[in-house]
Protein backbone atom coordinates (compact mmCIF):
# COMPACT_ATOMS: atom_id res chain seq x y z
CA MET A 1 7.83 -11.90 -13.58
CA ARG A 2 10.63 -12.08 -16.08
CA GLN A 3 13.21 -9.39 -16.60
CA PRO A 4 14.14 -7.93 -20.01
CA THR A 5 16.16 -10.33 -22.17
CA ARG A 6 18.01 -9.79 -25.44
CA VAL A 7 16.19 -10.85 -28.56
CA GLY A 8 18.35 -9.09 -31.11
CA ARG A 9 20.79 -6.27 -31.64
CA GLY A 10 19.52 -3.11 -30.00
CA LYS A 11 16.25 -4.64 -28.77
CA VAL A 12 15.02 -5.92 -25.45
CA THR A 13 11.73 -7.39 -24.36
CA ASP A 14 10.82 -4.79 -21.73
CA HIS A 15 8.07 -2.35 -20.86
CA GLY A 16 9.96 0.17 -22.96
CA SER A 17 11.95 0.11 -26.14
CA ALA A 18 15.75 0.15 -26.27
CA SER A 19 18.50 1.54 -28.42
CA GLU A 20 22.16 0.57 -28.39
CA ARG A 21 24.48 2.51 -26.09
CA PRO A 22 28.24 2.61 -26.66
CA GLY A 23 29.68 -0.56 -25.18
CA GLY A 24 26.69 -2.69 -26.11
CA MET A 25 24.44 -1.78 -23.13
CA PRO A 26 20.73 -1.30 -23.91
CA GLU A 27 19.22 2.10 -23.21
CA VAL A 28 15.69 1.70 -21.90
CA ARG A 29 13.10 4.21 -23.02
CA ASP A 30 11.27 5.76 -20.07
CA ARG A 31 7.51 5.16 -20.19
CA TRP A 32 6.04 7.70 -17.81
CA ILE A 33 2.55 6.93 -19.09
CA LEU A 34 2.85 3.54 -17.35
CA VAL A 35 4.03 5.26 -14.18
CA ALA A 36 0.88 7.38 -14.40
CA VAL A 37 -1.19 4.19 -14.78
CA ALA A 38 0.50 2.79 -11.66
CA GLY A 39 -0.35 5.97 -9.74
CA ALA A 40 -3.97 6.09 -10.92
CA LEU A 41 -4.63 2.44 -10.06
CA SER A 42 -2.92 2.84 -6.67
CA PHE A 43 -5.23 5.78 -5.96
CA VAL A 44 -8.32 3.82 -7.02
CA ALA A 45 -7.39 0.69 -5.05
CA MET A 46 -6.70 2.69 -1.86
CA LEU A 47 -9.78 4.86 -2.40
CA ASP A 48 -11.86 1.71 -2.13
CA MET A 49 -10.42 1.06 1.34
CA ASN A 50 -12.35 3.98 2.85
CA ILE A 51 -14.91 5.32 0.40
CA VAL A 52 -17.58 2.84 1.51
CA ASN A 53 -17.31 3.75 5.22
CA VAL A 54 -19.64 6.73 4.97
CA ALA A 55 -22.31 4.76 3.11
CA LEU A 56 -22.89 1.87 5.54
CA ALA A 57 -26.12 3.33 6.95
CA ASP A 58 -27.54 3.90 3.45
CA ILE A 59 -26.45 0.43 2.30
CA SER A 60 -28.09 -1.10 5.37
CA GLU A 61 -31.31 0.74 4.66
CA GLY A 62 -31.29 0.23 0.89
CA LEU A 63 -30.66 -3.53 1.07
CA GLU A 64 -32.74 -3.97 4.24
CA THR A 65 -29.97 -5.64 6.19
CA PRO A 66 -28.59 -5.13 9.73
CA ALA A 67 -25.76 -2.66 10.16
CA ALA A 68 -23.43 -5.41 11.38
CA THR A 69 -23.98 -7.32 8.13
CA ALA A 70 -23.54 -4.19 6.02
CA GLN A 71 -20.12 -3.80 7.67
CA TRP A 72 -18.96 -6.67 5.46
CA ALA A 73 -19.17 -4.32 2.48
CA ILE A 74 -15.91 -2.96 3.94
CA LEU A 75 -14.38 -6.12 5.39
CA GLY A 76 -15.22 -8.08 2.23
CA TYR A 77 -12.74 -5.87 0.37
CA GLN A 78 -10.10 -5.28 3.04
CA LEU A 79 -9.62 -8.87 4.19
CA PRO A 80 -8.80 -10.45 0.79
CA VAL A 81 -6.60 -7.49 -0.12
CA VAL A 82 -4.31 -8.06 2.84
CA ALA A 83 -4.70 -11.84 3.12
CA LEU A 84 -3.79 -12.52 -0.51
CA LEU A 85 -0.87 -10.11 -0.88
CA LEU A 86 1.93 -12.62 -0.26
CA PRO A 87 0.48 -15.50 -2.33
CA VAL A 88 -0.27 -13.05 -5.15
CA GLY A 89 3.28 -11.68 -5.04
CA ARG A 90 4.78 -15.13 -5.38
CA TRP A 91 2.41 -15.97 -8.25
CA LEU A 92 3.11 -12.71 -10.09
CA ASP A 93 6.81 -13.53 -10.17
CA THR A 94 5.97 -16.42 -12.54
CA VAL A 95 3.59 -14.73 -15.02
CA GLY A 96 3.60 -11.82 -17.48
CA THR A 97 3.02 -8.32 -16.13
CA ARG A 98 0.78 -7.17 -18.99
CA PRO A 99 -1.85 -9.94 -18.85
CA ALA A 100 -1.88 -9.83 -15.05
CA LEU A 101 -2.46 -6.06 -15.04
CA LEU A 102 -5.18 -6.17 -17.69
CA SER A 103 -6.98 -9.08 -16.04
CA ALA A 104 -6.84 -7.61 -12.53
CA THR A 105 -7.99 -4.16 -13.68
CA ALA A 106 -10.86 -5.61 -15.73
CA GLY A 107 -11.86 -7.83 -12.81
CA PHE A 108 -11.77 -4.87 -10.44
CA ALA A 109 -14.04 -2.84 -12.74
CA LEU A 110 -16.43 -5.75 -13.27
CA CYS A 111 -16.76 -6.43 -9.54
CA SER A 112 -17.32 -2.69 -8.95
CA ALA A 113 -20.20 -2.78 -11.43
CA LEU A 114 -21.64 -5.92 -9.81
CA ALA A 115 -21.45 -4.25 -6.39
CA ALA A 116 -23.27 -1.18 -7.73
CA VAL A 117 -26.23 -3.23 -9.00
CA SER A 118 -26.41 -5.51 -5.94
CA PRO A 119 -29.99 -6.66 -5.29
CA SER A 120 -29.03 -8.16 -1.90
CA VAL A 121 -26.31 -7.90 0.72
CA SER A 122 -24.96 -11.39 -0.08
CA TRP A 123 -24.47 -10.29 -3.72
CA LEU A 124 -22.71 -7.14 -2.53
CA ILE A 125 -20.37 -9.04 -0.20
CA ALA A 126 -19.47 -11.55 -2.93
CA ALA A 127 -18.71 -8.70 -5.35
CA ARG A 128 -16.56 -6.96 -2.74
CA ILE A 129 -14.58 -10.15 -2.07
CA GLY A 130 -13.87 -10.45 -5.79
CA GLN A 131 -12.92 -6.80 -5.89
CA GLY A 132 -10.54 -7.33 -2.97
CA ALA A 133 -8.85 -10.28 -4.71
CA CYS A 134 -8.27 -8.15 -7.82
CA GLY A 135 -7.16 -5.27 -5.61
CA ALA A 136 -4.46 -7.47 -4.05
CA VAL A 137 -3.01 -8.05 -7.53
CA LEU A 138 -3.07 -4.31 -8.27
CA PHE A 139 -1.40 -3.40 -4.97
CA VAL A 140 1.50 -5.75 -5.70
CA LEU A 141 1.82 -4.87 -9.39
CA MET A 142 1.83 -1.08 -9.13
CA PRO A 143 5.31 -0.56 -7.58
CA VAL A 144 6.72 -3.25 -9.88
CA LEU A 145 5.22 -1.52 -12.93
CA ALA A 146 6.50 1.89 -11.85
CA ILE A 147 10.07 0.80 -11.13
CA ARG A 148 10.39 -1.20 -14.36
CA SER A 149 9.04 1.57 -16.58
CA VAL A 150 12.02 3.92 -16.14
CA ARG A 151 15.79 3.83 -15.97
CA PRO A 152 17.35 3.03 -12.56
CA GLU A 153 18.49 6.62 -12.04
CA LEU A 154 14.84 7.81 -12.23
CA ARG A 155 13.32 5.24 -9.91
CA GLY A 156 12.86 7.65 -7.00
CA ARG A 157 10.64 9.91 -9.08
CA ALA A 158 8.75 6.95 -10.53
CA MET A 159 8.11 5.34 -7.16
CA SER A 160 6.91 8.61 -5.65
CA VAL A 161 3.87 8.57 -7.97
CA PRO A 162 2.09 5.43 -6.64
CA ALA A 163 3.60 5.91 -3.17
CA THR A 164 1.97 9.36 -2.93
CA LEU A 165 -1.29 8.80 -4.82
CA GLY A 166 -2.10 5.56 -2.96
CA PRO A 167 -2.28 7.10 0.55
CA LEU A 168 -4.02 10.15 -0.92
CA GLY A 169 -6.73 7.82 -2.15
CA ALA A 170 -7.11 6.46 1.37
CA VAL A 171 -7.47 9.86 3.06
CA THR A 172 -9.77 11.38 0.43
CA GLY A 173 -12.07 8.34 0.32
CA PRO A 174 -14.55 9.53 2.99
CA ALA A 175 -14.81 13.01 1.44
CA VAL A 176 -15.41 11.63 -2.07
CA GLY A 177 -17.86 9.08 -0.68
CA GLY A 178 -19.76 11.75 1.20
CA LEU A 179 -20.19 13.90 -1.91
CA LEU A 180 -21.42 10.96 -3.98
CA LEU A 181 -23.74 9.84 -1.22
CA ASP A 182 -25.34 13.26 -0.82
CA HIS A 183 -25.91 13.87 -4.53
CA LEU A 184 -26.14 10.53 -6.34
CA GLY A 185 -26.71 7.71 -3.85
CA TRP A 186 -24.63 4.85 -2.45
CA ARG A 187 -24.44 2.81 -5.67
CA TRP A 188 -22.33 5.52 -7.30
CA ILE A 189 -19.63 4.92 -4.71
CA PHE A 190 -18.83 1.72 -6.62
CA LEU A 191 -19.39 3.12 -10.11
CA VAL A 192 -17.06 6.12 -9.79
CA LYS A 193 -13.91 3.96 -10.11
CA ILE A 194 -14.88 2.25 -13.35
CA PRO A 195 -13.80 5.07 -15.75
CA PHE A 196 -10.31 5.08 -14.19
CA CYS A 197 -10.05 1.32 -14.68
CA LEU A 198 -11.19 1.49 -18.29
CA GLY A 199 -8.73 4.27 -19.04
CA ALA A 200 -5.89 2.27 -17.46
CA ILE A 201 -6.81 -0.77 -19.58
CA VAL A 202 -6.73 1.25 -22.81
CA VAL A 203 -3.35 2.80 -21.99
CA ALA A 204 -1.79 -0.46 -20.77
CA ARG A 205 -2.89 -2.37 -23.88
CA ARG A 206 -1.17 0.19 -26.10
CA ALA A 207 1.93 0.95 -24.04
CA MET A 208 2.90 -2.47 -22.64
CA PRO A 209 4.41 -5.11 -24.93
CA ARG A 210 3.40 -8.73 -24.61
CA ASP A 211 5.66 -10.22 -21.96
CA GLY A 212 4.20 -13.60 -21.09
CA ARG A 213 0.99 -15.37 -20.30
CA LEU A 214 -1.11 -15.98 -17.24
CA ARG A 215 -0.47 -19.29 -15.56
CA TRP A 216 -2.93 -20.79 -13.09
CA PRO A 217 -1.20 -21.69 -9.80
CA ASP A 218 -0.66 -25.39 -9.16
CA ARG A 219 -2.44 -27.24 -6.36
CA ARG A 220 0.41 -26.88 -3.93
CA SER A 221 0.56 -23.12 -4.45
CA LEU A 222 -3.21 -22.85 -4.06
CA ALA A 223 -3.13 -24.83 -0.81
CA ASP A 224 -0.30 -22.61 0.40
CA ALA A 225 -2.29 -19.50 -0.48
CA VAL A 226 -5.42 -20.78 1.30
CA LEU A 227 -3.38 -21.51 4.43
CA LEU A 228 -1.87 -18.05 4.55
CA ALA A 229 -5.10 -16.27 3.60
CA ALA A 230 -6.98 -18.09 6.37
CA GLY A 231 -4.38 -17.16 8.99
CA VAL A 232 -4.15 -13.51 7.97
CA ALA A 233 -7.95 -13.15 7.67
CA VAL A 234 -8.46 -14.54 11.19
CA LEU A 235 -5.73 -12.27 12.56
CA LEU A 236 -7.16 -9.14 10.91
CA THR A 237 -10.67 -9.99 12.04
CA ALA A 238 -9.38 -10.30 15.61
CA LEU A 239 -7.59 -6.94 15.37
CA THR A 240 -10.73 -5.19 14.14
CA LEU A 241 -12.55 -6.51 17.22
CA ALA A 242 -9.78 -5.62 19.66
CA ALA A 243 -11.40 -2.39 20.86
CA GLY A 244 -14.87 -3.76 21.55
CA ALA A 245 -14.73 -7.50 22.24
CA SER A 246 -12.87 -9.40 24.95
CA ALA A 247 -12.66 -12.52 22.78
CA TRP A 248 -10.29 -10.94 20.26
CA LEU A 249 -7.14 -12.44 21.82
CA PRO A 250 -8.28 -16.11 21.66
CA LEU A 251 -9.41 -15.44 18.10
CA ALA A 252 -5.99 -14.02 17.24
CA LEU A 253 -4.31 -17.13 18.67
CA LEU A 254 -6.31 -19.25 16.22
CA ALA A 255 -4.32 -17.59 13.43
CA VAL A 256 -1.02 -18.98 14.73
CA PRO A 257 -1.25 -22.62 13.46
CA PRO A 258 -2.04 -21.83 9.78
CA LEU A 259 0.56 -19.04 9.69
CA TRP A 260 3.16 -21.32 11.25
CA TRP A 261 2.52 -24.08 8.73
CA TRP A 262 2.64 -21.56 5.89
CA LEU A 263 5.99 -20.23 7.13
CA ARG A 264 7.40 -23.76 7.08
CA GLY A 265 6.11 -24.42 3.56
CA PRO A 266 7.43 -23.37 0.14
CA GLY A 267 5.60 -20.04 0.14
CA GLY A 268 6.95 -18.98 3.51
CA ARG A 269 10.47 -20.08 2.65
CA THR A 270 10.35 -18.10 -0.62
CA VAL A 271 9.24 -14.91 1.14
CA ALA A 272 11.74 -15.31 3.99
CA GLY A 273 14.53 -15.99 1.49
CA ALA A 274 13.70 -12.88 -0.52
CA LEU A 275 13.74 -10.70 2.60
CA ARG A 276 17.03 -12.18 3.79
CA THR A 277 18.57 -11.57 0.37
CA THR A 278 17.57 -7.90 0.31
CA GLY A 279 18.57 -7.33 3.92
CA LEU A 280 15.71 -4.83 4.25
CA LEU A 281 13.68 -6.22 7.14
CA ARG A 282 14.22 -2.97 9.05
CA ALA A 283 12.84 -0.97 6.12
CA HIS A 284 9.70 -3.13 6.23
CA GLY A 285 9.42 -2.39 9.94
CA ALA A 286 9.66 1.32 9.19
CA VAL A 287 6.88 1.06 6.60
CA LEU A 288 4.66 -0.69 9.16
CA ALA A 289 5.50 1.85 11.88
CA LEU A 290 4.76 4.89 9.70
CA ALA A 291 1.50 3.36 8.43
CA LEU A 292 0.48 2.62 12.02
CA GLY A 293 1.28 6.17 13.13
CA PHE A 294 -0.54 7.66 10.13
CA ALA A 295 -3.69 5.56 10.69
CA ALA A 296 -3.75 6.16 14.46
CA MET A 297 -3.27 9.92 13.98
CA ARG A 298 -6.05 10.17 11.40
CA TYR A 299 -8.46 8.31 13.67
CA VAL A 300 -7.63 10.20 16.89
CA VAL A 301 -7.44 13.74 15.51
CA ALA A 302 -10.86 13.66 13.85
CA LEU A 303 -12.50 12.08 16.90
CA HIS A 304 -10.81 14.41 19.39
CA LEU A 305 -11.68 17.56 17.45
CA GLN A 306 -15.37 16.67 17.25
CA ARG A 307 -15.91 14.90 20.59
CA ASP A 308 -13.64 16.89 22.93
CA GLU A 309 -13.17 20.24 21.21
CA GLY A 310 -16.69 20.66 19.80
CA VAL A 311 -15.49 21.36 16.25
CA SER A 312 -18.04 20.81 13.49
CA ALA A 313 -17.70 17.93 11.06
CA THR A 314 -17.05 20.29 8.14
CA VAL A 315 -14.25 22.18 9.91
CA THR A 316 -12.79 18.89 11.14
CA GLY A 317 -12.71 17.53 7.59
CA LEU A 318 -11.00 20.67 6.28
CA THR A 319 -8.46 20.56 9.13
CA VAL A 320 -7.53 16.93 8.55
CA LEU A 321 -7.06 17.64 4.83
CA ALA A 322 -3.88 19.54 5.76
CA PHE A 323 -2.09 16.19 6.01
CA PRO A 324 -2.81 14.91 2.47
CA LEU A 325 -2.19 18.41 1.12
CA GLY A 326 1.32 18.41 2.59
CA MET A 327 1.87 14.88 1.41
CA GLY A 328 0.79 15.63 -2.13
CA LEU A 329 3.08 18.66 -2.32
CA ALA A 330 6.15 16.84 -1.00
CA GLY A 331 5.73 13.54 -2.88
CA PRO A 332 7.24 14.64 -6.23
CA LEU A 333 10.03 16.50 -4.40
CA GLY A 334 10.92 13.38 -2.42
CA GLY A 335 11.35 11.39 -5.62
CA ARG A 336 13.62 13.99 -7.20
CA LEU A 337 15.76 14.29 -4.07
CA ALA A 338 16.07 10.50 -3.87
CA ASP A 339 17.31 10.30 -7.45
CA ARG A 340 19.92 12.96 -6.71
CA TYR A 341 21.09 12.17 -3.16
CA GLY A 342 20.04 8.55 -2.64
CA ALA A 343 16.83 7.05 -1.30
CA ARG A 344 17.91 6.30 2.26
CA PRO A 345 18.80 9.84 3.48
CA VAL A 346 15.63 11.29 1.96
CA ALA A 347 13.50 8.51 3.48
CA VAL A 348 15.07 9.12 6.89
CA ALA A 349 14.52 12.89 6.64
CA GLY A 350 10.88 12.32 5.70
CA ALA A 351 10.28 9.95 8.61
CA ALA A 352 11.92 12.44 11.01
CA LEU A 353 9.71 15.27 9.72
CA THR A 354 6.60 13.11 10.15
CA ALA A 355 7.66 12.23 13.71
CA ALA A 356 8.26 15.92 14.47
CA GLY A 357 4.80 16.91 13.26
CA LEU A 358 3.11 14.22 15.36
CA LEU A 359 5.23 15.02 18.43
CA LEU A 360 4.15 18.66 18.21
CA LEU A 361 0.55 17.49 18.61
CA VAL A 362 1.25 15.83 21.97
CA LEU A 363 3.57 18.37 23.57
CA PRO A 364 2.20 19.91 26.80
CA GLY A 365 0.28 23.07 26.06
CA ALA A 366 -0.14 22.32 22.36
CA GLY A 367 -3.15 24.25 21.05
CA TRP A 368 -6.09 22.36 19.59
CA SER A 369 -7.73 25.08 17.55
CA PRO A 370 -8.17 23.98 13.91
CA PRO A 371 -5.31 26.24 12.64
CA ASP A 372 -2.96 24.93 15.36
CA VAL A 373 -3.73 21.34 14.41
CA ALA A 374 -3.67 21.99 10.67
CA TRP A 375 -0.09 23.30 10.46
CA ARG A 376 1.21 20.39 12.53
CA LEU A 377 -0.63 17.91 10.32
CA ALA A 378 0.74 19.67 7.24
CA LEU A 379 4.27 19.26 8.62
CA ALA A 380 3.68 15.54 9.22
CA GLY A 381 2.17 15.23 5.74
CA LEU A 382 5.24 16.85 4.17
CA GLY A 383 7.34 14.22 5.91
CA MET A 384 5.18 11.35 4.65
CA GLY A 385 5.37 12.75 1.13
CA LEU A 386 9.16 12.91 1.30
CA ASN A 387 9.35 9.40 2.74
CA GLY A 388 6.94 7.38 0.58
CA GLY A 389 8.64 7.21 -2.80
CA PRO A 390 12.24 6.93 -1.52
CA THR A 391 11.36 4.13 0.90
CA GLN A 392 9.57 2.21 -1.85
CA ALA A 393 12.52 2.75 -4.20
CA LEU A 394 14.92 1.66 -1.47
CA VAL A 395 13.13 -1.66 -1.02
CA MET A 396 12.24 -2.40 -4.64
CA GLY A 397 15.68 -1.36 -5.89
CA ALA A 398 17.28 -4.01 -3.67
CA ALA A 399 14.81 -6.77 -4.63
CA PRO A 400 16.19 -9.73 -6.59
CA PRO A 401 14.94 -9.44 -10.19
CA ASP A 402 13.06 -12.73 -10.00
CA ARG A 403 11.44 -11.80 -6.68
CA ALA A 404 10.33 -8.21 -7.37
CA ALA A 405 6.62 -8.96 -6.94
CA THR A 406 7.27 -11.02 -3.82
CA VAL A 407 9.18 -8.16 -2.18
CA GLY A 408 6.53 -5.70 -3.38
CA SER A 409 3.88 -7.82 -1.68
CA THR A 410 5.76 -7.85 1.63
CA VAL A 411 5.94 -4.04 1.63
CA GLN A 412 2.24 -3.78 0.90
CA LEU A 413 1.48 -6.30 3.67
CA ALA A 414 3.53 -4.28 6.16
CA ARG A 415 1.65 -1.12 5.17
CA GLY A 416 -1.74 -2.89 5.33
CA LEU A 417 -1.03 -4.26 8.79
CA GLY A 418 -0.05 -0.78 9.94
CA PHE A 419 -3.29 0.70 8.62
CA THR A 420 -5.24 -2.01 10.49
CA LEU A 421 -3.27 -1.85 13.74
CA GLY A 422 -3.26 1.96 14.01
CA PRO A 423 -6.95 2.60 14.78
CA ALA A 424 -7.23 -0.60 16.87
CA LEU A 425 -4.29 0.32 19.12
CA ALA A 426 -5.37 3.98 19.30
CA THR A 427 -8.84 2.90 20.41
CA ALA A 428 -7.37 0.57 23.02
CA ALA A 429 -5.11 3.36 24.34
CA TRP A 430 -8.08 5.73 24.47
CA GLY A 431 -10.15 3.23 26.44
CA LEU A 432 -7.37 2.51 28.94
CA THR A 433 -6.57 6.16 29.70
CA GLY A 434 -10.10 7.58 29.88
CA PRO A 435 -10.32 11.39 29.59
CA ASP A 436 -6.75 11.65 28.29
CA GLY A 437 -7.36 9.04 25.62
CA GLY A 438 -6.79 11.44 22.73
CA ALA A 439 -3.32 12.34 24.00
CA ALA A 440 -2.50 8.67 24.55
CA GLY A 441 -3.56 7.76 21.02
CA LEU A 442 -1.48 10.57 19.53
CA ALA A 443 1.50 9.59 21.71
CA LEU A 444 1.20 6.11 20.24
CA ALA A 445 1.18 7.55 16.70
CA ALA A 446 4.20 9.76 17.41
CA THR A 447 6.13 6.90 19.02
CA ALA A 448 5.55 4.69 15.98
CA ALA A 449 6.77 7.45 13.65
CA CYS A 450 9.86 8.02 15.81
CA LEU A 451 10.65 4.31 15.70
CA ALA A 452 10.71 4.43 11.88
CA VAL A 453 13.64 6.88 11.89
CA PRO A 454 16.36 4.54 13.25
CA LEU A 455 14.89 1.61 11.35
CA LEU A 456 15.50 3.46 8.10
CA ALA A 457 18.75 5.15 9.16
CA LEU A 458 20.60 1.92 9.94
CA PRO A 459 22.04 0.55 6.67
CA ALA A 460 20.90 -2.92 5.67
CA ARG A 461 23.20 -5.63 4.43
CA GLY A 462 21.97 -8.91 3.09
CA PRO A 463 23.76 -12.21 3.75
CA GLY A 464 26.86 -12.49 1.67
CA GLU A 465 26.69 -8.87 0.54
CA PRO A 466 30.21 -7.50 0.34
CA ALA A 467 31.23 -4.59 2.48
CA GLY A 468 30.80 -1.30 0.72
CA LYS A 469 27.91 -2.39 -1.45
CA SER A 470 25.13 0.11 -0.95
CA THR A 471 21.40 -0.39 -0.87
CA ASP A 472 20.61 3.25 -0.28
CA GLY A 473 18.57 3.61 -3.42
CA SER A 474 21.20 5.30 -5.53
CA THR A 475 23.77 2.65 -6.27
CA GLY A 476 21.44 0.06 -4.80
CA ALA A 477 18.66 0.86 -7.20
CA ALA A 478 20.97 0.81 -10.12
CA SER A 479 22.46 -2.47 -9.03
CA GLY A 480 19.04 -4.06 -9.28
CA ALA A 481 19.02 -3.43 -13.00
CA SER A 482 22.44 -4.96 -13.51
CA ARG A 483 21.70 -8.28 -11.83
CA SER A 484 21.42 -11.26 -14.07
CA ALA A 485 17.98 -12.11 -15.44
CA PRO A 486 16.14 -14.82 -13.55
CA SER A 487 15.37 -18.25 -14.77
CA SER A 488 11.98 -18.69 -16.38
CA THR A 489 11.40 -21.90 -14.49
CA PRO A 490 8.14 -21.67 -12.54
CA ARG A 491 8.62 -21.50 -8.81
């Protein structure tokens, strides 16, 4: 993905227009409408992660297929999303942002429509796999689009939009799916996202200048992508089986050879080089840890309230909504604070607040009435809202200009692995500890959130980075804009 380059006095080829500042520096026009597009598509792509869960029984009955087969309506989307993130990130660094966004959004909408009219389960699974492939492109593109649509000093606010709306899509998916299922039927679960996609296409076509063309990956890149996708898909399949099948560990070991060969190839070397350059491996670990804690908490709290406390499904749903409510309220504030004080301190404060909220759930004597749980979840949600945008700005602001999509894909992969590992590990902890399984699962979630605090607090320094150079999101984010433009040579 190429950076803005001069084409004439006072003009740049960017997502915004430019006027001449004193001293000859271009002044980029902020395009918040594109930030809104990034947020809306992040919400839609994450909504699809969970909206289908509540409809599996109806899909199984409507398409006359076993429940185990209908489960692939979920896995058919989730597996390609996570498995293709890294290959897609590397590919997106070599093509234009505008055609990639338009193609992926149109493909996502088309596959949603095909899923809605599925006459058989095989048709549905194929449509979901296509939707997942397009979703992988959207997941990688959205932070890149947001951070390149505004000036460096506004990146915290810009990144808070997709970083907040994405997880909100994940947590509201079951509620939205339930409403559609009760009133319109399971096919509308796939149709509801199409208007958002069409609106995003219209806005992007008008607001984004032409910045390149799509380029089909060469054979070596395709082979590299297949190798990685196979390894990640096998690993994720094993993790989803970890709670209920003893064969999950041998299956997970089968993922080692393809992942090892990928790491030794050009794709693995490119990703490893980008991460070494940014010096932000610890920030990626924090993203994974917080996603793991968030997913484990969401799984355990709902199950514990209904199974052990006898709370109704409706009250449980309203109680759990305290977390996304807190997150939604704090997200915009986190972006503003990051732009003023730097991304790192705000990200650390948010992670600490999330850890505090989860720790309060596992303290001895903690009440488990819905109000008691709700205010603790709201506290943790406030922390996640404060953390999301600043952490994303911290990582993307330190990314090399010619590797922005690659670094964006590694962050999304870390988050996706956390979302997958959280429920699997919480279920395993519940099974090992018996009657106290809920407390063990929540202790796991709180421990993961606590681990994120030092990972974010310790400053990162890439190889060769001079002492005193900051990557805290303030000077670090601005420095990303001042780096030299990358070569247009395909990688």
